[in-house]
C-alpha atoms as a PDB file:
ATOM      1  CA  MET A   1      35.440 -23.294   2.859  1.00  0.00           C
ATOM      2  CA  THR A   2      35.644 -20.458   0.721  1.00  0.00           C
ATOM      3  CA  VAL A   3      33.273 -18.019   0.744  1.00  0.00           C
ATOM      4  CA  ALA A   4      31.898 -19.296  -2.706  1.00  0.00           C
ATOM      5  CA  GLU A   5      31.176 -22.849  -1.428  1.00  0.00           C
ATOM      6  CA  LEU A   6      29.072 -21.504   1.791  1.00  0.00           C
ATOM      7  CA  ARG A   7      26.806 -19.521  -0.226  1.00  0.00           C
ATOM      8  CA  ARG A   8      26.336 -23.103  -2.549  1.00  0.00           C
ATOM      9  CA  LYS A   9      25.721 -25.148   0.792  1.00  0.00           C
ATOM     10  CA  MET A  10      23.289 -22.070   2.650  1.00  0.00           C
ATOM     11  CA  ALA A  11      21.605 -21.388  -0.501  1.00  0.00           C
ATOM     12  CA  ALA A  12      21.055 -25.397  -1.279  1.00  0.00           C
ATOM     13  CA  GLY A  13      19.654 -25.138   2.812  1.00  0.00           C
ATOM     14  CA  PHE A  14      17.757 -22.426   2.072  1.00  0.00           C
ATOM     15  CA  ARG A  15      15.966 -23.983  -1.218  1.00  0.00           C
ATOM     16  CA  ALA A  16      15.641 -27.135   0.550  1.00  0.00           C
ATOM     17  CA  ASN A  17      13.653 -25.241   3.287  1.00  0.00           C
ATOM     18  CA  ALA A  18      11.489 -23.973   0.765  1.00  0.00           C
ATOM     19  CA  PHE A  19      12.484 -19.907   0.789  1.00  0.00           C
ATOM     20  CA  GLU A  20      11.387 -18.223  -2.425  1.00  0.00           C
ATOM     21  CA  SER A  21      15.097 -16.792  -3.317  1.00  0.00           C
ATOM     22  CA  PRO A  22      17.589 -19.483  -1.762  1.00  0.00           C
ATOM     23  CA  GLU A  23      20.493 -17.576  -3.160  1.00  0.00           C
ATOM     24  CA  LEU A  24      19.859 -13.838  -2.203  1.00  0.00           C
ATOM     25  CA  GLU A  25      19.416 -14.859   1.074  1.00  0.00           C
ATOM     26  CA  ALA A  26      22.896 -17.002   1.159  1.00  0.00           C
ATOM     27  CA  ASP A  27      23.949 -13.999  -0.058  1.00  0.00           C
ATOM     28  CA  PHE A  28      22.699 -11.645   2.484  1.00  0.00           C
ATOM     29  CA  ILE A  29      24.249 -13.636   5.782  1.00  0.00           C
ATOM     30  CA  ALA A  30      27.937 -14.082   3.693  1.00  0.00           C
ATOM     31  CA  ALA A  31      27.732 -10.163   3.200  1.00  0.00           C
ATOM     32  CA  GLU A  32      27.056  -9.643   6.070  1.00  0.00           C
ATOM     33  CA  VAL A  33      30.030 -12.226   7.758  1.00  0.00           C
ATOM     34  CA  LEU A  34      31.701  -9.991   5.490  1.00  0.00           C
ATOM     35  CA  ASN A  35      30.862  -7.184   6.053  1.00  0.00           C
ATOM     36  CA  VAL A  36      31.202  -6.440   3.412  1.00  0.00           C
ATOM     37  CA  ARG A  37      27.843  -5.089   0.592  1.00  0.00           C
ATOM     38  CA  GLY A  38      26.473  -5.451  -2.645  1.00  0.00           C
ATOM     39  CA  MET A  39      28.479  -6.819  -5.920  1.00  0.00           C
ATOM     40  CA  GLU A  40      31.392  -6.735  -3.569  1.00  0.00           C
ATOM     41  CA  LEU A  41      30.553  -9.702  -1.940  1.00  0.00           C
ATOM     42  CA  LEU A  42      31.334 -11.712  -5.189  1.00  0.00           C
ATOM     43  CA  LEU A  43      35.158 -10.439  -4.856  1.00  0.00           C
ATOM     44  CA  HIS A  44      35.845 -12.291  -2.205  1.00  0.00           C
ATOM     45  CA  ASP A  45      34.644 -15.925  -3.818  1.00  0.00           C
ATOM     46  CA  SER A  46      37.959 -17.861  -3.212  1.00  0.00           C
ATOM     47  CA  GLU A  47      38.602 -15.870   0.778  1.00  0.00           C
ATOM     48  CA  ILE A  48      38.654 -18.547   2.854  1.00  0.00           C
ATOM     49  CA  LEU A  49      36.351 -18.079   5.733  1.00  0.00           C
ATOM     50  CA  THR A  50      37.676 -17.847   9.486  1.00  0.00           C
ATOM     51  CA  ALA A  51      36.672 -20.695  12.387  1.00  0.00           C
ATOM     52  CA  SER A  52      34.638 -17.510  13.675  1.00  0.00           C
ATOM     53  CA  GLN A  53      33.528 -15.633  10.599  1.00  0.00           C
ATOM     54  CA  LEU A  54      31.423 -19.721  10.124  1.00  0.00           C
ATOM     55  CA  GLU A  55      30.392 -20.014  13.402  1.00  0.00           C
ATOM     56  CA  LYS A  56      28.628 -17.230  12.526  1.00  0.00           C
ATOM     57  CA  ALA A  57      27.473 -17.781   9.105  1.00  0.00           C
ATOM     58  CA  GLU A  58      25.973 -21.187  10.688  1.00  0.00           C
ATOM     59  CA  ASP A  59      23.977 -19.520  13.689  1.00  0.00           C
ATOM     60  CA  PHE A  60      22.623 -16.855  11.355  1.00  0.00           C
ATOM     61  CA  GLU A  61      21.325 -19.488   8.722  1.00  0.00           C
ATOM     62  CA  ARG A  62      19.281 -21.511  11.695  1.00  0.00           C
ATOM     63  CA  ARG A  63      17.845 -18.241  13.112  1.00  0.00           C
ATOM     64  CA  ARG A  64      16.631 -16.936   9.314  1.00  0.00           C
ATOM     65  CA  LEU A  65      15.095 -21.053   8.804  1.00  0.00           C
ATOM     66  CA  LYS A  66      13.082 -20.358  11.477  1.00  0.00           C
ATOM     67  CA  ASN A  67      12.181 -17.150   9.777  1.00  0.00           C
ATOM     68  CA  GLU A  68      13.430 -13.968  11.836  1.00  0.00           C
ATOM     69  CA  PRO A  69      14.096 -11.179  10.107  1.00  0.00           C
ATOM     70  CA  PHE A  70      16.960 -10.549   8.669  1.00  0.00           C
ATOM     71  CA  GLN A  71      17.094  -7.195  10.460  1.00  0.00           C
ATOM     72  CA  TYR A  72      17.202  -8.978  14.204  1.00  0.00           C
ATOM     73  CA  ILE A  73      19.913 -11.263  13.399  1.00  0.00           C
ATOM     74  CA  PHE A  74      22.462  -8.688  12.225  1.00  0.00           C
ATOM     75  CA  GLY A  75      20.683  -5.986  14.380  1.00  0.00           C
ATOM     76  CA  TRP A  76      20.410  -3.404  11.955  1.00  0.00           C
ATOM     77  CA  THR A  77      18.674  -1.820   8.764  1.00  0.00           C
ATOM     78  CA  PRO A  78      18.990   1.104   6.686  1.00  0.00           C
ATOM     79  CA  PHE A  79      16.295   3.856   6.445  1.00  0.00           C
ATOM     80  CA  ARG A  80      17.417   6.098   3.892  1.00  0.00           C
ATOM     81  CA  GLU A  81      20.474   7.890   4.609  1.00  0.00           C
ATOM     82  CA  ILE A  82      21.200   6.661   8.006  1.00  0.00           C
ATOM     83  CA  ASP A  83      21.387   2.997   9.608  1.00  0.00           C
ATOM     84  CA  LEU A  84      19.882   1.700  12.466  1.00  0.00           C
ATOM     85  CA  GLU A  85      19.892  -0.640  15.789  1.00  0.00           C
ATOM     86  CA  VAL A  86      16.471  -2.815  15.535  1.00  0.00           C
ATOM     87  CA  GLY A  87      15.783  -6.188  17.502  1.00  0.00           C
ATOM     88  CA  PRO A  88      12.786  -7.813  18.905  1.00  0.00           C
ATOM     89  CA  GLY A  89      10.108  -5.918  20.275  1.00  0.00           C
ATOM     90  CA  VAL A  90      10.427  -2.774  17.608  1.00  0.00           C
ATOM     91  CA  LEU A  91       8.794  -2.628  14.048  1.00  0.00           C
ATOM     92  CA  ILE A  92      11.545  -3.073  11.599  1.00  0.00           C
ATOM     93  CA  PRO A  93      11.271   0.065   9.103  1.00  0.00           C
ATOM     94  CA  ARG A  94       9.950  -0.708   5.588  1.00  0.00           C
ATOM     95  CA  PRO A  95      10.684   1.086   2.134  1.00  0.00           C
ATOM     96  CA  GLU A  96       7.173   2.014   1.778  1.00  0.00           C
ATOM     97  CA  THR A  97       8.099   4.876   4.604  1.00  0.00           C
ATOM     98  CA  GLU A  98      11.289   5.689   3.169  1.00  0.00           C
ATOM     99  CA  PHE A  99       8.906   6.984   0.171  1.00  0.00           C
ATOM    100  CA  MET A 100       6.601   8.572   2.409  1.00  0.00           C
ATOM    101  CA  LEU A 101       9.319  10.811   3.543  1.00  0.00           C
ATOM    102  CA  ASP A 102      10.717  12.219   0.047  1.00  0.00           C
ATOM    103  CA  HIS A 103       6.934  13.795   0.332  1.00  0.00           C
ATOM    104  CA  VAL A 104       7.144  14.771   3.374  1.00  0.00           C
ATOM    105  CA  LEU A 105      10.449  15.788   3.577  1.00  0.00           C
ATOM    106  CA  LYS A 106       9.468  18.161   0.246  1.00  0.00           C
ATOM    107  CA  LYS A 107       6.373  19.657   1.829  1.00  0.00           C
ATOM    108  CA  LEU A 108       7.216  20.292   5.069  1.00  0.00           C
ATOM    109  CA  PRO A 109       8.202  24.369   5.329  1.00  0.00           C
ATOM    110  CA  ARG A 110      11.925  25.729   6.627  1.00  0.00           C
ATOM    111  CA  GLY A 111      12.399  25.843  10.617  1.00  0.00           C
ATOM    112  CA  ALA A 112       8.820  23.850  10.870  1.00  0.00           C
ATOM    113  CA  VAL A 113       8.679  21.908  14.443  1.00  0.00           C
ATOM    114  CA  VAL A 114       7.269  18.329  13.732  1.00  0.00           C
ATOM    115  CA  CYS A 115       6.064  15.584  15.516  1.00  0.00           C
ATOM    116  CA  GLU A 116       6.131  11.690  15.118  1.00  0.00           C
ATOM    117  CA  LEU A 117       3.574   9.357  16.762  1.00  0.00           C
ATOM    118  CA  GLY A 118       4.509   5.779  17.221  1.00  0.00           C
ATOM    119  CA  THR A 119       8.799   6.276  16.358  1.00  0.00           C
ATOM    120  CA  GLY A 120       9.661   2.945  17.177  1.00  0.00           C
ATOM    121  CA  SER A 121      13.127   2.641  15.960  1.00  0.00           C
ATOM    122  CA  GLY A 122      13.024   6.166  15.692  1.00  0.00           C
ATOM    123  CA  ALA A 123      12.898   5.797  11.252  1.00  0.00           C
ATOM    124  CA  ILE A 124      11.147   8.524  10.262  1.00  0.00           C
ATOM    125  CA  ALA A 125      12.087  11.312  13.396  1.00  0.00           C
ATOM    126  CA  LEU A 126      15.815  10.779  12.849  1.00  0.00           C
ATOM    127  CA  SER A 127      15.200  11.382   9.255  1.00  0.00           C
ATOM    128  CA  LEU A 128      13.822  13.844   9.094  1.00  0.00           C
ATOM    129  CA  ALA A 129      16.504  15.479  11.935  1.00  0.00           C
ATOM    130  CA  PHE A 130      18.646  14.051   9.668  1.00  0.00           C
ATOM    131  CA  GLU A 131      18.262  15.140   6.250  1.00  0.00           C
ATOM    132  CA  ARG A 132      16.813  18.473   8.002  1.00  0.00           C
ATOM    133  CA  PRO A 133      18.872  20.146  10.640  1.00  0.00           C
ATOM    134  CA  ASP A 134      16.630  23.528  10.066  1.00  0.00           C
ATOM    135  CA  LEU A 135      13.744  21.077  11.315  1.00  0.00           C
ATOM    136  CA  THR A 136      12.972  20.176  15.423  1.00  0.00           C
ATOM    137  CA  VAL A 137      10.953  17.136  15.747  1.00  0.00           C
ATOM    138  CA  TYR A 138       9.541  15.611  18.526  1.00  0.00           C
ATOM    139  CA  ALA A 139       8.225  11.934  18.379  1.00  0.00           C
ATOM    140  CA  SER A 140       6.453   9.969  21.422  1.00  0.00           C
ATOM    141  CA  GLU A 141       6.609   6.056  21.383  1.00  0.00           C
ATOM    142  CA  ILE A 142       4.349   3.458  24.112  1.00  0.00           C
ATOM    143  CA  SER A 143       6.218   0.849  23.815  1.00  0.00           C
ATOM    144  CA  PRO A 144       9.089   0.656  26.602  1.00  0.00           C
ATOM    145  CA  GLU A 145      10.855  -1.465  24.389  1.00  0.00           C
ATOM    146  CA  ALA A 146      10.583   0.141  21.038  1.00  0.00           C
ATOM    147  CA  PHE A 147      11.721   3.319  23.199  1.00  0.00           C
ATOM    148  CA  CYS A 148      14.616   2.114  23.894  1.00  0.00           C
ATOM    149  CA  TRP A 149      16.034   1.253  19.959  1.00  0.00           C
ATOM    150  CA  ALA A 150      14.821   4.679  19.456  1.00  0.00           C
ATOM    151  CA  GLU A 151      16.668   6.027  21.996  1.00  0.00           C
ATOM    152  CA  ARG A 152      19.694   3.975  21.169  1.00  0.00           C
ATOM    153  CA  ASN A 153      19.395   5.364  17.643  1.00  0.00           C
ATOM    154  CA  ARG A 154      18.423   8.749  18.557  1.00  0.00           C
ATOM    155  CA  LYS A 155      22.519   8.784  20.795  1.00  0.00           C
ATOM    156  CA  LYS A 156      24.339   7.261  18.340  1.00  0.00           C
ATOM    157  CA  LEU A 157      22.921   9.507  15.932  1.00  0.00           C
ATOM    158  CA  ASP A 158      23.693  12.328  18.486  1.00  0.00           C
ATOM    159  CA  LEU A 159      21.229  14.844  16.808  1.00  0.00           C
ATOM    160  CA  PRO A 160      20.955  17.688  18.584  1.00  0.00           C
ATOM    161  CA  ASN A 161      17.434  18.553  16.768  1.00  0.00           C
ATOM    162  CA  VAL A 162      15.155  14.888  17.978  1.00  0.00           C
ATOM    163  CA  ARG A 163      13.240  14.167  21.292  1.00  0.00           C
ATOM    164  CA  PHE A 164      11.814  11.326  21.918  1.00  0.00           C
ATOM    165  CA  PHE A 165       9.035  10.959  24.891  1.00  0.00           C
ATOM    166  CA  PRO A 166       7.523   7.817  26.390  1.00  0.00           C
ATOM    167  CA  GLY A 167       4.230   7.500  26.039  1.00  0.00           C
ATOM    168  CA  SER A 168       0.898   7.060  23.856  1.00  0.00           C
ATOM    169  CA  LEU A 169       0.412   9.892  20.589  1.00  0.00           C
ATOM    170  CA  PHE A 170       0.261  13.550  21.822  1.00  0.00           C
ATOM    171  CA  GLU A 171      -0.144  12.502  25.471  1.00  0.00           C
ATOM    172  CA  PRO A 172       3.780  12.885  26.171  1.00  0.00           C
ATOM    173  CA  PHE A 173       4.303  16.235  24.815  1.00  0.00           C
ATOM    174  CA  PRO A 174       5.115  18.918  27.427  1.00  0.00           C
ATOM    175  CA  PRO A 175       2.087  21.279  27.589  1.00  0.00           C
ATOM    176  CA  GLY A 176       1.270  23.792  25.088  1.00  0.00           C
ATOM    177  CA  LEU A 177       3.701  22.855  22.721  1.00  0.00           C
ATOM    178  CA  ILE A 178       2.464  23.165  19.399  1.00  0.00           C
ATOM    179  CA  PHE A 179       3.329  21.715  16.037  1.00  0.00           C
ATOM    180  CA  ASP A 180       3.675  22.414  12.469  1.00  0.00           C
ATOM    181  CA  ALA A 181       2.795  19.311  10.877  1.00  0.00           C
ATOM    182  CA  VAL A 182       1.948  15.807  12.520  1.00  0.00           C
ATOM    183  CA  VAL A 183       3.628  12.549  10.850  1.00  0.00           C
ATOM    184  CA  ALA A 184       3.136   8.752  11.785  1.00  0.00           C
ATOM    185  CA  ASN A 185       3.164   5.382  10.858  1.00  0.00           C
ATOM    186  CA  LEU A 186       0.730   4.114  13.254  1.00  0.00           C
ATOM    187  CA  PRO A 187      -0.632   0.382  13.612  1.00  0.00           C
ATOM    188  CA  TYR A 188      -3.145  -0.414  10.542  1.00  0.00           C
ATOM    189  CA  VAL A 189      -3.264  -3.730  10.122  1.00  0.00           C
ATOM    190  CA  ALA A 190      -6.659  -5.164  10.813  1.00  0.00           C
ATOM    191  CA  GLU A 191      -6.779  -8.553  13.670  1.00  0.00           C
ATOM    192  CA  GLU A 192      -8.505 -10.602  10.768  1.00  0.00           C
ATOM    193  CA  GLU A 193      -5.489 -10.433   8.092  1.00  0.00           C
ATOM    194  CA  ARG A 194      -3.261 -11.882  11.392  1.00  0.00           C
ATOM    195  CA  ALA A 195      -2.974 -14.989   9.329  1.00  0.00           C
ATOM    196  CA  ALA A 196      -2.196 -14.197   6.257  1.00  0.00           C
ATOM    197  CA  LEU A 197       1.007 -12.085   6.970  1.00  0.00           C
ATOM    198  CA  PRO A 198       3.969 -13.952   6.333  1.00  0.00           C
ATOM    199  CA  PRO A 199       5.715 -15.669   9.156  1.00  0.00           C
ATOM    200  CA  ASN A 200       8.982 -13.573   9.820  1.00  0.00           C
ATOM    201  CA  VAL A 201       6.508 -10.575  10.170  1.00  0.00           C
ATOM    202  CA  ARG A 202       3.685 -12.169  11.995  1.00  0.00           C
ATOM    203  CA  ASP A 203       5.738 -14.537  14.612  1.00  0.00           C
ATOM    204  CA  HIS A 204       8.306 -12.005  15.031  1.00  0.00           C
ATOM    205  CA  GLU A 205       7.389  -8.445  14.788  1.00  0.00           C
ATOM    206  CA  PRO A 206       5.786  -6.607  17.847  1.00  0.00           C
ATOM    207  CA  ALA A 207       1.797  -7.487  17.064  1.00  0.00           C
ATOM    208  CA  GLU A 208       0.792  -4.231  18.765  1.00  0.00           C
ATOM    209  CA  ALA A 209       3.284  -2.268  15.997  1.00  0.00           C
ATOM    210  CA  LEU A 210       1.212  -3.718  13.242  1.00  0.00           C
ATOM    211  CA  PHE A 211      -2.263  -4.481  14.409  1.00  0.00           C
ATOM    212  CA  ALA A 212      -5.152  -1.863  16.075  1.00  0.00           C
ATOM    213  CA  PRO A 213      -9.016  -2.381  16.202  1.00  0.00           C
ATOM    214  CA  ASP A 214     -11.758  -1.416  13.991  1.00  0.00           C
ATOM    215  CA  HIS A 215     -10.302  -2.879  11.047  1.00  0.00           C
ATOM    216  CA  GLY A 216      -6.994  -1.747  12.230  1.00  0.00           C
ATOM    217  CA  CYS A 217      -8.136   2.203  11.783  1.00  0.00           C
ATOM    218  CA  ALA A 218      -8.789   2.770  16.087  1.00  0.00           C
ATOM    219  CA  ILE A 219      -5.501   4.256  16.347  1.00  0.00           C
ATOM    220  CA  ILE A 220      -4.800   6.157  13.403  1.00  0.00           C
ATOM    221  CA  GLU A 221      -9.024   7.544  13.814  1.00  0.00           C
ATOM    222  CA  GLN A 222      -7.658   8.328  17.554  1.00  0.00           C
ATOM    223  CA  ALA A 223      -4.377  10.629  16.269  1.00  0.00           C
ATOM    224  CA  ILE A 224      -6.772  12.469  13.684  1.00  0.00           C
ATOM    225  CA  LEU A 225      -9.306  13.385  15.626  1.00  0.00           C
ATOM    226  CA  GLU A 226      -6.778  14.387  18.719  1.00  0.00           C
ATOM    227  CA  ALA A 227      -4.108  16.665  15.740  1.00  0.00           C
ATOM    228  CA  PRO A 228      -6.458  19.362  16.210  1.00  0.00           C
ATOM    229  CA  ALA A 229      -5.570  20.620  19.884  1.00  0.00           C
ATOM    230  CA  HIS A 230      -1.511  20.069  18.668  1.00  0.00           C
ATOM    231  CA  LEU A 231      -1.521  21.625  15.075  1.00  0.00           C
ATOM    232  CA  ARG A 232      -0.841  25.155  14.223  1.00  0.00           C
ATOM    233  CA  GLN A 233      -4.637  26.900  13.435  1.00  0.00           C
ATOM    234  CA  ASP A 234      -3.156  28.973  10.522  1.00  0.00           C
ATOM    235  CA  HIS A 235      -0.763  26.304   9.080  1.00  0.00           C
ATOM    236  CA  ALA A 236      -0.683  22.863   9.704  1.00  0.00           C
ATOM    237  CA  GLN A 237       0.271  19.525   7.778  1.00  0.00           C
ATOM    238  CA  LEU A 238      -0.445  15.700   7.886  1.00  0.00           C
ATOM    239  CA  PHE A 239       1.258  12.630   7.022  1.00  0.00           C
ATOM    240  CA  PHE A 240       0.167   9.379   7.964  1.00  0.00           C
ATOM    241  CA  GLU A 241       1.122   5.733   6.257  1.00  0.00           C
ATOM    242  CA  ILE A 242      -2.496   4.093   6.086  1.00  0.00           C
ATOM    243  CA  GLY A 243      -3.442   0.806   4.650  1.00  0.00           C
ATOM    244  CA  GLU A 244      -4.590   0.179   1.078  1.00  0.00           C
ATOM    245  CA  THR A 245      -8.012  -0.004   1.619  1.00  0.00           C
ATOM    246  CA  GLN A 246      -8.068   2.636   4.266  1.00  0.00           C
ATOM    247  CA  GLY A 247      -7.759   5.925   2.280  1.00  0.00           C
ATOM    248  CA  GLY A 248     -11.703   6.648   1.863  1.00  0.00           C
ATOM    249  CA  TYR A 249     -12.447   6.080   5.366  1.00  0.00           C
ATOM    250  CA  PHE A 250     -10.001   8.207   6.592  1.00  0.00           C
ATOM    251  CA  LEU A 251     -10.834  11.202   4.100  1.00  0.00           C
ATOM    252  CA  ARG A 252     -14.579  11.191   5.178  1.00  0.00           C
ATOM    253  CA  LEU A 253     -12.954  11.622   8.400  1.00  0.00           C
ATOM    254  CA  ILE A 254     -11.448  14.219   7.809  1.00  0.00           C
ATOM    255  CA  SER A 255     -14.101  15.794   6.170  1.00  0.00           C
ATOM    256  CA  GLY A 256     -16.557  15.231   8.589  1.00  0.00           C
ATOM    257  CA  GLN A 257     -13.653  16.859  11.522  1.00  0.00           C
ATOM    258  CA  GLY A 258     -13.730  20.074   9.446  1.00  0.00           C
ATOM    259  CA  PHE A 259     -10.224  21.136  10.975  1.00  0.00           C
ATOM    260  CA  PHE A 260      -8.090  20.295   7.508  1.00  0.00           C
ATOM    261  CA  THR A 261      -9.161  22.657   4.573  1.00  0.00           C
ATOM    262  CA  SER A 262      -7.858  19.933   2.390  1.00  0.00           C
ATOM    263  CA  ALA A 263      -6.884  15.723   2.193  1.00  0.00           C
ATOM    264  CA  GLU A 264      -5.773  13.166   0.083  1.00  0.00           C
ATOM    265  CA  VAL A 265      -4.016  10.139  -0.421  1.00  0.00           C
ATOM    266  CA  LEU A 266      -1.486   9.449  -2.651  1.00  0.00           C
ATOM    267  CA  PRO A 267       0.079   6.248  -4.196  1.00  0.00           C
ATOM    268  CA  ASP A 268       3.474   4.307  -2.631  1.00  0.00           C
ATOM    269  CA  GLN A 269       6.576   3.689  -4.379  1.00  0.00           C
ATOM    270  CA  TYR A 270       4.351   0.980  -6.189  1.00  0.00           C
ATOM    271  CA  GLY A 271       1.628   2.358  -6.989  1.00  0.00           C
ATOM    272  CA  VAL A 272      -0.523   1.267  -3.954  1.00  0.00           C
ATOM    273  CA  ASP A 273      -3.144   4.112  -2.537  1.00  0.00           C
ATOM    274  CA  ARG A 274      -1.158   4.331   1.101  1.00  0.00           C
ATOM    275  CA  GLN A 275      -0.300   8.566   2.106  1.00  0.00           C
ATOM    276  CA  LEU A 276      -2.464  10.284   3.729  1.00  0.00           C
ATOM    277  CA  PHE A 277      -2.096  13.881   3.082  1.00  0.00           C
ATOM    278  CA  ALA A 278      -3.797  16.662   5.270  1.00  0.00           C
ATOM    279  CA  GLU A 279      -3.303  20.511   5.478  1.00  0.00           C
ATOM    280  CA  ARG A 280      -5.104  23.146   6.955  1.00  0.00           C
ATOM    281  CA  ILE A 281      -4.044  26.627   5.097  1.00  0.00           C
ATOM    282  CA  LEU A 282      -6.348  29.704   6.301  1.00  0.00           C
ATOM    283  CA  SER A 283      -6.002  32.531   3.659  1.00  0.00           C
ATOM    284  CA  ALA A 284      -5.091  35.934   5.883  1.00  0.00           C
ATOM    285  CA  PRO A 285      -8.266  38.547   7.171  1.00  0.00           C
ATOM    286  CA  VAL A 286      -8.880  41.070   4.320  1.00  0.00           C
ATOM    287  CA  ARG A 287      -9.657  44.289   6.648  1.00  0.00           C
ATOM    288  CA  PRO A 288     -12.831  45.381   6.024  1.00  0.00           C
ATOM    289  CA  ASP A 289     -11.486  48.368   4.444  1.00  0.00           C
ATOM    290  CA  GLY A 290      -9.102  46.987   2.223  1.00  0.00           C
ATOM    291  CA  PRO A 291      -5.508  45.849   1.958  1.00  0.00           C
ATOM    292  CA  ARG A 292      -3.379  49.138   2.916  1.00  0.00           C
END
């Protein structure tokens, strides 16, 4: 069977099962089997597939027809400038999170000590450490399965400026460690939204990485309330990905807390309000007799 014939066969199968983009689904699998990317796939249309390649393609197609995410099927996903190993038990990093890091990287001061809460695959922490070698990055993860994926990716990338700690939120970090900034993509989906999620998310990705009590707000709220004890008192930053309807609630929480001196909700690349940014900046005290 040629690559072109395989692509047509798989596209027909996906179309028969009412997949939204059958040709694209088929192309993803063919490209992974051939280990090629993008438009390069078209150059291989007349190539005859080996028996092992056909077997692999059939296995991928079978799993995809059960709505298993491509990232789990292939065992990896790109994220900004790095490739991450992912699989069952860890949240698949999203493009919205990649976009949020554009803002984070621009705002973080040189040499900052940063913590990420709930690192999952390590996507945020490892990207920060990779793209900004001047940063020192600490990250926590409560799920043993996800922590294993994060450690796997850390060892593969061999970055000296990032460390992972097993545990919940700030709890596992060494006592007395103070951060310049905290970054997180914590669970924020309300339980009542479960049924509306796509089956590849609802039925395959870990629920503990998606859902939070109190209409999706509980875990982020806990992190915001705990943050001041772990952040610098003169200048500190907070960057959280949030649900599109949660911005007002978290802005009121931060205002009432009184630690951060400013806060705003920013749009993602689709114009949806999905980024919470808060900052504490204290002016240097003025001497009673004036500056000298």
